[in-house]
Amino acid sequence: MDILFLSVSSILCGADGWEDIEDFGRAKLDRLRRYFPYKEGIPKHDTIARVLSLLDTKALQKSFISWVNSASKLTDGEVIAIDGKTVRRLFQKGNRQSTIHMVSTWAC
């Protein structure tokens, strides 16, 4: 959970790849520790990539849709703009699951 939290937090703040996620974690470690202990510190970017590539993407998608639906209820019907992008050329050869997919949202 700590790696997932780190990844989502850093991507929401503009991280653009595995190394950016690691750099964000090192820069914001004290703040991140408010939510998870990070006893061993921030993992290396290779570890972050490996862990995220093992996630069940269907379950993650289902959770994300549920979160977006709950956010819609909180905004009392305001429009929430969603933009999705796939970071190109950041995957391991033969393993397209390691590609980073980013989603940005704005309440309008």
PDB file of N, CA and C in Angstrom:
ATOM      1  N   MET A   1       0.821  -1.203   0.000  1.00  0.00           N
ATOM      2  CA  MET A   1       0.000   0.000   0.000  1.00  0.00           C
ATOM      3  C   MET A   1       0.860   1.260   0.000  1.00  0.00           C
ATOM      4  N   ASP A   2       2.017   1.195   0.665  1.00  0.00           N
ATOM      5  CA  ASP A   2       2.847   2.396   0.711  1.00  0.00           C
ATOM      6  C   ASP A   2       3.383   2.760  -0.670  1.00  0.00           C
ATOM      7  N   ILE A   3       3.735   1.773  -1.480  1.00  0.00           N
ATOM      8  CA  ILE A   3       4.225   2.058  -2.833  1.00  0.00           C
ATOM      9  C   ILE A   3       3.091   2.582  -3.709  1.00  0.00           C
ATOM     10  N   LEU A   4       1.913   2.024  -3.559  1.00  0.00           N
ATOM     11  CA  LEU A   4       0.761   2.509  -4.327  1.00  0.00           C
ATOM     12  C   LEU A   4       0.438   3.952  -3.927  1.00  0.00           C
ATOM     13  N   PHE A   5       0.423   4.230  -2.629  1.00  0.00           N
ATOM     14  CA  PHE A   5       0.157   5.585  -2.155  1.00  0.00           C
ATOM     15  C   PHE A   5       1.214   6.560  -2.671  1.00  0.00           C
ATOM     16  N   LEU A   6       2.479   6.164  -2.588  1.00  0.00           N
ATOM     17  CA  LEU A   6       3.576   6.991  -3.104  1.00  0.00           C
ATOM     18  C   LEU A   6       3.369   7.276  -4.583  1.00  0.00           C
ATOM     19  N   SER A   7       3.031   6.257  -5.351  1.00  0.00           N
ATOM     20  CA  SER A   7       2.893   6.405  -6.797  1.00  0.00           C
ATOM     21  C   SER A   7       1.738   7.319  -7.164  1.00  0.00           C
ATOM     22  N   VAL A   8       0.587   7.097  -6.559  1.00  0.00           N
ATOM     23  CA  VAL A   8      -0.576   7.937  -6.858  1.00  0.00           C
ATOM     24  C   VAL A   8      -0.299   9.382  -6.447  1.00  0.00           C
ATOM     25  N   SER A   9       0.270   9.573  -5.266  1.00  0.00           N
ATOM     26  CA  SER A   9       0.564  10.924  -4.793  1.00  0.00           C
ATOM     27  C   SER A   9       1.526  11.646  -5.725  1.00  0.00           C
ATOM     28  N   SER A  10       2.571  10.966  -6.127  1.00  0.00           N
ATOM     29  CA  SER A  10       3.575  11.616  -6.980  1.00  0.00           C
ATOM     30  C   SER A  10       3.038  11.895  -8.376  1.00  0.00           C
ATOM     31  N   ILE A  11       2.233  10.995  -8.922  1.00  0.00           N
ATOM     32  CA  ILE A  11       1.658  11.221 -10.254  1.00  0.00           C
ATOM     33  C   ILE A  11       0.679  12.388 -10.210  1.00  0.00           C
ATOM     34  N   LEU A  12      -0.111  12.480  -9.134  1.00  0.00           N
ATOM     35  CA  LEU A  12      -1.016  13.615  -8.992  1.00  0.00           C
ATOM     36  C   LEU A  12      -0.263  14.941  -8.885  1.00  0.00           C
ATOM     37  N   CYS A  13       0.981  14.864  -8.424  1.00  0.00           N
ATOM     38  CA  CYS A  13       1.812  16.071  -8.298  1.00  0.00           C
ATOM     39  C   CYS A  13       2.715  16.283  -9.508  1.00  0.00           C
ATOM     40  N   GLY A  14       2.527  15.487 -10.563  1.00  0.00           N
ATOM     41  CA  GLY A  14       3.251  15.734 -11.808  1.00  0.00           C
ATOM     42  C   GLY A  14       4.382  14.790 -12.135  1.00  0.00           C
ATOM     43  N   ALA A  15       4.585  13.743 -11.358  1.00  0.00           N
ATOM     44  CA  ALA A  15       5.648  12.785 -11.681  1.00  0.00           C
ATOM     45  C   ALA A  15       5.395  12.194 -13.060  1.00  0.00           C
ATOM     46  N   ASP A  16       6.462  11.955 -13.788  1.00  0.00           N
ATOM     47  CA  ASP A  16       6.338  11.553 -15.181  1.00  0.00           C
ATOM     48  C   ASP A  16       7.079  10.251 -15.477  1.00  0.00           C
ATOM     49  N   GLY A  17       7.319   9.436 -14.483  1.00  0.00           N
ATOM     50  CA  GLY A  17       8.007   8.161 -14.701  1.00  0.00           C
ATOM     51  C   GLY A  17       8.469   7.572 -13.382  1.00  0.00           C
ATOM     52  N   TRP A  18       9.045   6.381 -13.475  1.00  0.00           N
ATOM     53  CA  TRP A  18       9.470   5.655 -12.265  1.00  0.00           C
ATOM     54  C   TRP A  18      10.484   6.447 -11.453  1.00  0.00           C
ATOM     55  N   GLU A  19      11.449   7.055 -12.107  1.00  0.00           N
ATOM     56  CA  GLU A  19      12.471   7.812 -11.372  1.00  0.00           C
ATOM     57  C   GLU A  19      11.879   9.057 -10.719  1.00  0.00           C
ATOM     58  N   ASP A  20      10.922   9.692 -11.393  1.00  0.00           N
ATOM     59  CA  ASP A  20      10.236  10.844 -10.792  1.00  0.00           C
ATOM     60  C   ASP A  20       9.479  10.441  -9.534  1.00  0.00           C
ATOM     61  N   ILE A  21       8.880   9.251  -9.554  1.00  0.00           N
ATOM     62  CA  ILE A  21       8.165   8.764  -8.376  1.00  0.00           C
ATOM     63  C   ILE A  21       9.141   8.586  -7.218  1.00  0.00           C
ATOM     64  N   GLU A  22      10.286   7.977  -7.489  1.00  0.00           N
ATOM     65  CA  GLU A  22      11.305   7.804  -6.447  1.00  0.00           C
ATOM     66  C   GLU A  22      11.794   9.158  -5.932  1.00  0.00           C
ATOM     67  N   ASP A  23      12.090  10.087  -6.835  1.00  0.00           N
ATOM     68  CA  ASP A  23      12.574  11.414  -6.432  1.00  0.00           C
ATOM     69  C   ASP A  23      11.542  12.154  -5.581  1.00  0.00           C
ATOM     70  N   PHE A  24      10.278  12.070  -5.985  1.00  0.00           N
ATOM     71  CA  PHE A  24       9.206  12.698  -5.216  1.00  0.00           C
ATOM     72  C   PHE A  24       9.174  12.114  -3.799  1.00  0.00           C
ATOM     73  N   GLY A  25       9.263  10.792  -3.708  1.00  0.00           N
ATOM     74  CA  GLY A  25       9.227  10.136  -2.412  1.00  0.00           C
ATOM     75  C   GLY A  25      10.358  10.578  -1.501  1.00  0.00           C
ATOM     76  N   ARG A  26      11.544  10.692  -2.066  1.00  0.00           N
ATOM     77  CA  ARG A  26      12.690  11.137  -1.249  1.00  0.00           C
ATOM     78  C   ARG A  26      12.499  12.588  -0.790  1.00  0.00           C
ATOM     79  N   ALA A  27      11.961  13.431  -1.668  1.00  0.00           N
ATOM     80  CA  ALA A  27      11.769  14.841  -1.333  1.00  0.00           C
ATOM     81  C   ALA A  27      10.637  15.040  -0.321  1.00  0.00           C
ATOM     82  N   LYS A  28       9.638  14.176  -0.349  1.00  0.00           N
ATOM     83  CA  LYS A  28       8.446  14.354   0.493  1.00  0.00           C
ATOM     84  C   LYS A  28       8.295  13.258   1.548  1.00  0.00           C
ATOM     85  N   LEU A  29       9.387  12.612   1.908  1.00  0.00           N
ATOM     86  CA  LEU A  29       9.325  11.478   2.819  1.00  0.00           C
ATOM     87  C   LEU A  29       8.649  11.822   4.147  1.00  0.00           C
ATOM     88  N   ASP A  30       8.989  12.949   4.728  1.00  0.00           N
ATOM     89  CA  ASP A  30       8.369  13.325   6.013  1.00  0.00           C
ATOM     90  C   ASP A  30       6.852  13.441   5.888  1.00  0.00           C
ATOM     91  N   ARG A  31       6.396  14.033   4.810  1.00  0.00           N
ATOM     92  CA  ARG A  31       4.956  14.185   4.600  1.00  0.00           C
ATOM     93  C   ARG A  31       4.301  12.831   4.344  1.00  0.00           C
ATOM     94  N   LEU A  32       4.939  11.978   3.553  1.00  0.00           N
ATOM     95  CA  LEU A  32       4.394  10.654   3.261  1.00  0.00           C
ATOM     96  C   LEU A  32       4.291   9.803   4.523  1.00  0.00           C
ATOM     97  N   ARG A  33       5.207  10.002   5.449  1.00  0.00           N
ATOM     98  CA  ARG A  33       5.198   9.226   6.698  1.00  0.00           C
ATOM     99  C   ARG A  33       4.012   9.566   7.596  1.00  0.00           C
ATOM    100  N   ARG A  34       3.279  10.594   7.283  1.00  0.00           N
ATOM    101  CA  ARG A  34       2.046  10.875   8.022  1.00  0.00           C
ATOM    102  C   ARG A  34       1.009   9.779   7.768  1.00  0.00           C
ATOM    103  N   TYR A  35       1.137   9.083   6.639  1.00  0.00           N
ATOM    104  CA  TYR A  35       0.142   8.103   6.223  1.00  0.00           C
ATOM    105  C   TYR A  35       0.649   6.663   6.266  1.00  0.00           C
ATOM    106  N   PHE A  36       1.933   6.466   5.993  1.00  0.00           N
ATOM    107  CA  PHE A  36       2.557   5.137   6.035  1.00  0.00           C
ATOM    108  C   PHE A  36       3.952   5.282   6.631  1.00  0.00           C
ATOM    109  N   PRO A  37       4.453   4.248   7.325  1.00  0.00           N
ATOM    110  CA  PRO A  37       5.719   4.398   8.048  1.00  0.00           C
ATOM    111  C   PRO A  37       6.973   4.480   7.168  1.00  0.00           C
ATOM    112  N   TYR A  38       6.988   3.851   6.013  1.00  0.00           N
ATOM    113  CA  TYR A  38       8.182   3.823   5.153  1.00  0.00           C
ATOM    114  C   TYR A  38       9.425   3.528   5.994  1.00  0.00           C
ATOM    115  N   LYS A  39       9.351   2.439   6.768  1.00  0.00           N
ATOM    116  CA  LYS A  39      10.434   2.068   7.683  1.00  0.00           C
ATOM    117  C   LYS A  39      11.781   1.920   6.984  1.00  0.00           C
ATOM    118  N   GLU A  40      11.754   1.422   5.763  1.00  0.00           N
ATOM    119  CA  GLU A  40      12.995   1.226   4.997  1.00  0.00           C
ATOM    120  C   GLU A  40      13.267   2.388   4.054  1.00  0.00           C
ATOM    121  N   GLY A  41      12.533   3.471   4.189  1.00  0.00           N
ATOM    122  CA  GLY A  41      12.694   4.613   3.292  1.00  0.00           C
ATOM    123  C   GLY A  41      11.925   4.400   1.998  1.00  0.00           C
ATOM    124  N   ILE A  42      12.274   5.167   1.002  1.00  0.00           N
ATOM    125  CA  ILE A  42      11.614   5.098  -0.301  1.00  0.00           C
ATOM    126  C   ILE A  42      12.305   4.025  -1.150  1.00  0.00           C
ATOM    127  N   PRO A  43      11.523   3.132  -1.748  1.00  0.00           N
ATOM    128  CA  PRO A  43      12.131   2.097  -2.582  1.00  0.00           C
ATOM    129  C   PRO A  43      12.723   2.682  -3.864  1.00  0.00           C
ATOM    130  N   LYS A  44      13.652   1.961  -4.446  1.00  0.00           N
ATOM    131  CA  LYS A  44      14.261   2.348  -5.721  1.00  0.00           C
ATOM    132  C   LYS A  44      13.207   2.304  -6.824  1.00  0.00           C
ATOM    133  N   HIS A  45      13.436   3.054  -7.883  1.00  0.00           N
ATOM    134  CA  HIS A  45      12.460   3.121  -8.969  1.00  0.00           C
ATOM    135  C   HIS A  45      12.222   1.760  -9.632  1.00  0.00           C
ATOM    136  N   ASP A  46      13.228   0.904  -9.675  1.00  0.00           N
ATOM    137  CA  ASP A  46      13.036  -0.440 -10.247  1.00  0.00           C
ATOM    138  C   ASP A  46      12.044  -1.251  -9.410  1.00  0.00           C
ATOM    139  N   THR A  47      12.129  -1.120  -8.103  1.00  0.00           N
ATOM    140  CA  THR A  47      11.203  -1.822  -7.206  1.00  0.00           C
ATOM    141  C   THR A  47       9.789  -1.276  -7.372  1.00  0.00           C
ATOM    142  N   ILE A  48       9.670   0.036  -7.468  1.00  0.00           N
ATOM    143  CA  ILE A  48       8.354   0.649  -7.670  1.00  0.00           C
ATOM    144  C   ILE A  48       7.729   0.112  -8.956  1.00  0.00           C
ATOM    145  N   ALA A  49       8.502   0.085 -10.037  1.00  0.00           N
ATOM    146  CA  ALA A  49       8.005  -0.407 -11.329  1.00  0.00           C
ATOM    147  C   ALA A  49       7.591  -1.871 -11.231  1.00  0.00           C
ATOM    148  N   ARG A  50       8.399  -2.673 -10.572  1.00  0.00           N
ATOM    149  CA  ARG A  50       8.113  -4.109 -10.448  1.00  0.00           C
ATOM    150  C   ARG A  50       6.823  -4.349  -9.655  1.00  0.00           C
ATOM    151  N   VAL A  51       6.669  -3.647  -8.547  1.00  0.00           N
ATOM    152  CA  VAL A  51       5.473  -3.827  -7.714  1.00  0.00           C
ATOM    153  C   VAL A  51       4.222  -3.377  -8.467  1.00  0.00           C
ATOM    154  N   LEU A  52       4.272  -2.216  -9.102  1.00  0.00           N
ATOM    155  CA  LEU A  52       3.094  -1.714  -9.804  1.00  0.00           C
ATOM    156  C   LEU A  52       2.729  -2.577 -11.007  1.00  0.00           C
ATOM    157  N   SER A  53       3.705  -3.202 -11.633  1.00  0.00           N
ATOM    158  CA  SER A  53       3.400  -4.055 -12.789  1.00  0.00           C
ATOM    159  C   SER A  53       2.688  -5.337 -12.364  1.00  0.00           C
ATOM    160  N   LEU A  54       2.707  -5.664 -11.076  1.00  0.00           N
ATOM    161  CA  LEU A  54       2.042  -6.865 -10.566  1.00  0.00           C
ATOM    162  C   LEU A  54       0.601  -6.615 -10.126  1.00  0.00           C
ATOM    163  N   LEU A  55       0.166  -5.364 -10.140  1.00  0.00           N
ATOM    164  CA  LEU A  55      -1.190  -5.040  -9.695  1.00  0.00           C
ATOM    165  C   LEU A  55      -2.236  -5.630 -10.629  1.00  0.00           C
ATOM    166  N   ASP A  56      -3.355  -5.994 -10.052  1.00  0.00           N
ATOM    167  CA  ASP A  56      -4.505  -6.467 -10.824  1.00  0.00           C
ATOM    168  C   ASP A  56      -5.178  -5.228 -11.416  1.00  0.00           C
ATOM    169  N   THR A  57      -4.968  -4.997 -12.705  1.00  0.00           N
ATOM    170  CA  THR A  57      -5.448  -3.770 -13.330  1.00  0.00           C
ATOM    171  C   THR A  57      -6.975  -3.683 -13.344  1.00  0.00           C
ATOM    172  N   LYS A  58      -7.647  -4.814 -13.447  1.00  0.00           N
ATOM    173  CA  LYS A  58      -9.125  -4.803 -13.431  1.00  0.00           C
ATOM    174  C   LYS A  58      -9.639  -4.336 -12.071  1.00  0.00           C
ATOM    175  N   ALA A  59      -9.035  -4.834 -10.991  1.00  0.00           N
ATOM    176  CA  ALA A  59      -9.447  -4.429  -9.645  1.00  0.00           C
ATOM    177  C   ALA A  59      -9.120  -2.952  -9.408  1.00  0.00           C
ATOM    178  N   LEU A  60      -7.974  -2.504  -9.903  1.00  0.00           N
ATOM    179  CA  LEU A  60      -7.588  -1.104  -9.757  1.00  0.00           C
ATOM    180  C   LEU A  60      -8.564  -0.206 -10.517  1.00  0.00           C
ATOM    181  N   GLN A  61      -8.944  -0.613 -11.718  1.00  0.00           N
ATOM    182  CA  GLN A  61      -9.903   0.152 -12.505  1.00  0.00           C
ATOM    183  C   GLN A  61     -11.253   0.232 -11.786  1.00  0.00           C
ATOM    184  N   LYS A  62     -11.693  -0.893 -11.234  1.00  0.00           N
ATOM    185  CA  LYS A  62     -12.966  -0.925 -10.516  1.00  0.00           C
ATOM    186  C   LYS A  62     -12.925   0.018  -9.306  1.00  0.00           C
ATOM    187  N   SER A  63     -11.822   0.003  -8.571  1.00  0.00           N
ATOM    188  CA  SER A  63     -11.666   0.885  -7.408  1.00  0.00           C
ATOM    189  C   SER A  63     -11.643   2.348  -7.836  1.00  0.00           C
ATOM    190  N   PHE A  64     -10.960   2.629  -8.938  1.00  0.00           N
ATOM    191  CA  PHE A  64     -10.876   4.005  -9.424  1.00  0.00           C
ATOM    192  C   PHE A  64     -12.250   4.522  -9.823  1.00  0.00           C
ATOM    193  N   ILE A  65     -13.010   3.703 -10.529  1.00  0.00           N
ATOM    194  CA  ILE A  65     -14.357   4.105 -10.943  1.00  0.00           C
ATOM    195  C   ILE A  65     -15.230   4.355  -9.715  1.00  0.00           C
ATOM    196  N   SER A  66     -15.102   3.509  -8.714  1.00  0.00           N
ATOM    197  CA  SER A  66     -15.852   3.697  -7.477  1.00  0.00           C
ATOM    198  C   SER A  66     -15.474   5.013  -6.805  1.00  0.00           C
ATOM    199  N   TRP A  67     -14.175   5.325  -6.789  1.00  0.00           N
ATOM    200  CA  TRP A  67     -13.709   6.577  -6.193  1.00  0.00           C
ATOM    201  C   TRP A  67     -14.252   7.777  -6.960  1.00  0.00           C
ATOM    202  N   VAL A  68     -14.214   7.724  -8.289  1.00  0.00           N
ATOM    203  CA  VAL A  68     -14.724   8.824  -9.100  1.00  0.00           C
ATOM    204  C   VAL A  68     -16.225   9.015  -8.849  1.00  0.00           C
ATOM    205  N   ASN A  69     -16.955   7.911  -8.765  1.00  0.00           N
ATOM    206  CA  ASN A  69     -18.394   8.009  -8.495  1.00  0.00           C
ATOM    207  C   ASN A  69     -18.662   8.644  -7.137  1.00  0.00           C
ATOM    208  N   SER A  70     -17.867   8.294  -6.128  1.00  0.00           N
ATOM    209  CA  SER A  70     -18.065   8.891  -4.808  1.00  0.00           C
ATOM    210  C   SER A  70     -17.692  10.371  -4.827  1.00  0.00           C
ATOM    211  N   ALA A  71     -16.686  10.747  -5.604  1.00  0.00           N
ATOM    212  CA  ALA A  71     -16.302  12.162  -5.720  1.00  0.00           C
ATOM    213  C   ALA A  71     -17.408  12.953  -6.397  1.00  0.00           C
ATOM    214  N   SER A  72     -18.094  12.352  -7.335  1.00  0.00           N
ATOM    215  CA  SER A  72     -19.204  13.013  -8.025  1.00  0.00           C
ATOM    216  C   SER A  72     -20.322  13.345  -7.044  1.00  0.00           C
ATOM    217  N   LYS A  73     -20.601  12.428  -6.127  1.00  0.00           N
ATOM    218  CA  LYS A  73     -21.640  12.677  -5.130  1.00  0.00           C
ATOM    219  C   LYS A  73     -21.240  13.820  -4.200  1.00  0.00           C
ATOM    220  N   LEU A  74     -19.953  13.903  -3.870  1.00  0.00           N
ATOM    221  CA  LEU A  74     -19.477  14.946  -2.973  1.00  0.00           C
ATOM    222  C   LEU A  74     -19.572  16.332  -3.594  1.00  0.00           C
ATOM    223  N   THR A  75     -19.497  16.407  -4.923  1.00  0.00           N
ATOM    224  CA  THR A  75     -19.519  17.711  -5.591  1.00  0.00           C
ATOM    225  C   THR A  75     -20.920  18.135  -5.983  1.00  0.00           C
ATOM    226  N   ASP A  76     -21.912  17.357  -5.610  1.00  0.00           N
ATOM    227  CA  ASP A  76     -23.314  17.681  -5.868  1.00  0.00           C
ATOM    228  C   ASP A  76     -23.581  17.929  -7.349  1.00  0.00           C
ATOM    229  N   GLY A  77     -23.008  17.078  -8.199  1.00  0.00           N
ATOM    230  CA  GLY A  77     -23.296  17.136  -9.624  1.00  0.00           C
ATOM    231  C   GLY A  77     -22.420  18.059 -10.442  1.00  0.00           C
ATOM    232  N   GLU A  78     -21.438  18.735  -9.833  1.00  0.00           N
ATOM    233  CA  GLU A  78     -20.525  19.537 -10.630  1.00  0.00           C
ATOM    234  C   GLU A  78     -19.811  18.627 -11.622  1.00  0.00           C
ATOM    235  N   VAL A  79     -19.340  19.203 -12.691  1.00  0.00           N
ATOM    236  CA  VAL A  79     -18.620  18.429 -13.706  1.00  0.00           C
ATOM    237  C   VAL A  79     -17.215  18.112 -13.201  1.00  0.00           C
ATOM    238  N   ILE A  80     -16.810  16.862 -13.381  1.00  0.00           N
ATOM    239  CA  ILE A  80     -15.436  16.470 -13.083  1.00  0.00           C
ATOM    240  C   ILE A  80     -14.783  16.078 -14.396  1.00  0.00           C
ATOM    241  N   ALA A  81     -13.813  16.881 -14.833  1.00  0.00           N
ATOM    242  CA  ALA A  81     -13.101  16.608 -16.079  1.00  0.00           C
ATOM    243  C   ALA A  81     -12.001  15.589 -15.795  1.00  0.00           C
ATOM    244  N   ILE A  82     -11.908  14.556 -16.632  1.00  0.00           N
ATOM    245  CA  ILE A  82     -10.917  13.498 -16.459  1.00  0.00           C
ATOM    246  C   ILE A  82     -10.087  13.397 -17.727  1.00  0.00           C
ATOM    247  N   ASP A  83      -8.768  13.386 -17.552  1.00  0.00           N
ATOM    248  CA  ASP A  83      -7.852  13.269 -18.676  1.00  0.00           C
ATOM    249  C   ASP A  83      -6.906  12.118 -18.401  1.00  0.00           C
ATOM    250  N   GLY A  84      -6.775  11.191 -19.331  1.00  0.00           N
ATOM    251  CA  GLY A  84      -5.885  10.048 -19.150  1.00  0.00           C
ATOM    252  C   GLY A  84      -4.793  10.024 -20.196  1.00  0.00           C
ATOM    253  N   LYS A  85      -3.604   9.605 -19.782  1.00  0.00           N
ATOM    254  CA  LYS A  85      -2.466   9.504 -20.694  1.00  0.00           C
ATOM    255  C   LYS A  85      -1.665   8.247 -20.357  1.00  0.00           C
ATOM    256  N   THR A  86      -1.020   7.698 -21.353  1.00  0.00           N
ATOM    257  CA  THR A  86      -0.085   6.602 -21.152  1.00  0.00           C
ATOM    258  C   THR A  86       1.310   7.122 -21.466  1.00  0.00           C
ATOM    259  N   VAL A  87       2.233   6.981 -20.516  1.00  0.00           N
ATOM    260  CA  VAL A  87       3.603   7.424 -20.725  1.00  0.00           C
ATOM    261  C   VAL A  87       4.273   6.461 -21.700  1.00  0.00           C
ATOM    262  N   ARG A  88       4.782   6.990 -22.782  1.00  0.00           N
ATOM    263  CA  ARG A  88       5.341   6.156 -23.838  1.00  0.00           C
ATOM    264  C   ARG A  88       6.785   5.766 -23.549  1.00  0.00           C
ATOM    265  N   ARG A  89       7.156   4.604 -24.028  1.00  0.00           N
ATOM    266  CA  ARG A  89       8.534   4.077 -24.000  1.00  0.00           C
ATOM    267  C   ARG A  89       9.096   3.896 -22.589  1.00  0.00           C
ATOM    268  N   LEU A  90       8.255   3.665 -21.596  1.00  0.00           N
ATOM    269  CA  LEU A  90       8.732   3.406 -20.239  1.00  0.00           C
ATOM    270  C   LEU A  90       8.405   1.986 -19.795  1.00  0.00           C
ATOM    271  N   PHE A  91       8.229   1.078 -20.727  1.00  0.00           N
ATOM    272  CA  PHE A  91       7.891  -0.289 -20.376  1.00  0.00           C
ATOM    273  C   PHE A  91       9.100  -1.195 -20.570  1.00  0.00           C
ATOM    274  N   GLN A  92       9.055  -2.341 -19.893  1.00  0.00           N
ATOM    275  CA  GLN A  92      10.097  -3.345 -20.081  1.00  0.00           C
ATOM    276  C   GLN A  92       9.780  -4.120 -21.349  1.00  0.00           C
ATOM    277  N   LYS A  93      10.788  -4.428 -22.142  1.00  0.00           N
ATOM    278  CA  LYS A  93      10.549  -5.177 -23.373  1.00  0.00           C
ATOM    279  C   LYS A  93       9.851  -6.490 -23.046  1.00  0.00           C
ATOM    280  N   GLY A  94       8.793  -6.789 -23.797  1.00  0.00           N
ATOM    281  CA  GLY A  94       8.048  -8.018 -23.580  1.00  0.00           C
ATOM    282  C   GLY A  94       7.062  -7.960 -22.428  1.00  0.00           C
ATOM    283  N   ASN A  95       6.965  -6.789 -21.736  1.00  0.00           N
ATOM    284  CA  ASN A  95       6.048  -6.679 -20.601  1.00  0.00           C
ATOM    285  C   ASN A  95       5.381  -5.309 -20.629  1.00  0.00           C
ATOM    286  N   ARG A  96       4.339  -5.169 -21.426  1.00  0.00           N
ATOM    287  CA  ARG A  96       3.651  -3.889 -21.573  1.00  0.00           C
ATOM    288  C   ARG A  96       2.932  -3.478 -20.295  1.00  0.00           C
ATOM    289  N   GLN A  97       2.780  -4.392 -19.310  1.00  0.00           N
ATOM    290  CA  GLN A  97       2.083  -4.043 -18.077  1.00  0.00           C
ATOM    291  C   GLN A  97       2.861  -3.051 -17.235  1.00  0.00           C
ATOM    292  N   SER A  98       4.143  -2.857 -17.513  1.00  0.00           N
ATOM    293  CA  SER A  98       4.927  -1.945 -16.699  1.00  0.00           C
ATOM    294  C   SER A  98       4.791  -0.494 -17.152  1.00  0.00           C
ATOM    295  N   THR A  99       3.988  -0.228 -18.182  1.00  0.00           N
ATOM    296  CA  THR A  99       3.758   1.123 -18.660  1.00  0.00           C
ATOM    297  C   THR A  99       2.980   1.918 -17.612  1.00  0.00           C
ATOM    298  N   ILE A 100       3.305   3.210 -17.473  1.00  0.00           N
ATOM    299  CA  ILE A 100       2.606   4.073 -16.528  1.00  0.00           C
ATOM    300  C   ILE A 100       1.392   4.683 -17.233  1.00  0.00           C
ATOM    301  N   HIS A 101       0.238   4.582 -16.595  1.00  0.00           N
ATOM    302  CA  HIS A 101      -0.980   5.232 -17.061  1.00  0.00           C
ATOM    303  C   HIS A 101      -1.317   6.318 -16.048  1.00  0.00           C
ATOM    304  N   MET A 102      -1.499   7.549 -16.523  1.00  0.00           N
ATOM    305  CA  MET A 102      -1.773   8.671 -15.622  1.00  0.00           C
ATOM    306  C   MET A 102      -3.171   9.209 -15.880  1.00  0.00           C
ATOM    307  N   VAL A 103      -3.841   9.571 -14.818  1.00  0.00           N
ATOM    308  CA  VAL A 103      -5.173  10.152 -14.915  1.00  0.00           C
ATOM    309  C   VAL A 103      -5.169  11.427 -14.090  1.00  0.00           C
ATOM    310  N   SER A 104      -5.660  12.508 -14.690  1.00  0.00           N
ATOM    311  CA  SER A 104      -5.802  13.777 -13.994  1.00  0.00           C
ATOM    312  C   SER A 104      -7.282  14.117 -13.932  1.00  0.00           C
ATOM    313  N   THR A 105      -7.715  14.703 -12.822  1.00  0.00           N
ATOM    314  CA  THR A 105      -9.114  15.101 -12.691  1.00  0.00           C
ATOM    315  C   THR A 105      -9.207  16.533 -12.189  1.00  0.00           C
ATOM    316  N   TRP A 106     -10.251  17.224 -12.640  1.00  0.00           N
ATOM    317  CA  TRP A 106     -10.513  18.592 -12.204  1.00  0.00           C
ATOM    318  C   TRP A 106     -11.999  18.724 -11.933  1.00  0.00           C
ATOM    319  N   ALA A 107     -12.355  19.304 -10.821  1.00  0.00           N
ATOM    320  CA  ALA A 107     -13.764  19.613 -10.558  1.00  0.00           C
ATOM    321  C   ALA A 107     -14.038  20.998 -11.123  1.00  0.00           C
ATOM    322  N   CYS A 108     -15.052  21.106 -11.958  1.00  0.00           N
ATOM    323  CA  CYS A 108     -15.375  22.386 -12.636  1.00  0.00           C
ATOM    324  C   CYS A 108     -16.699  22.918 -12.127  1.00  0.00           C
TER     325      CYS A 108
END
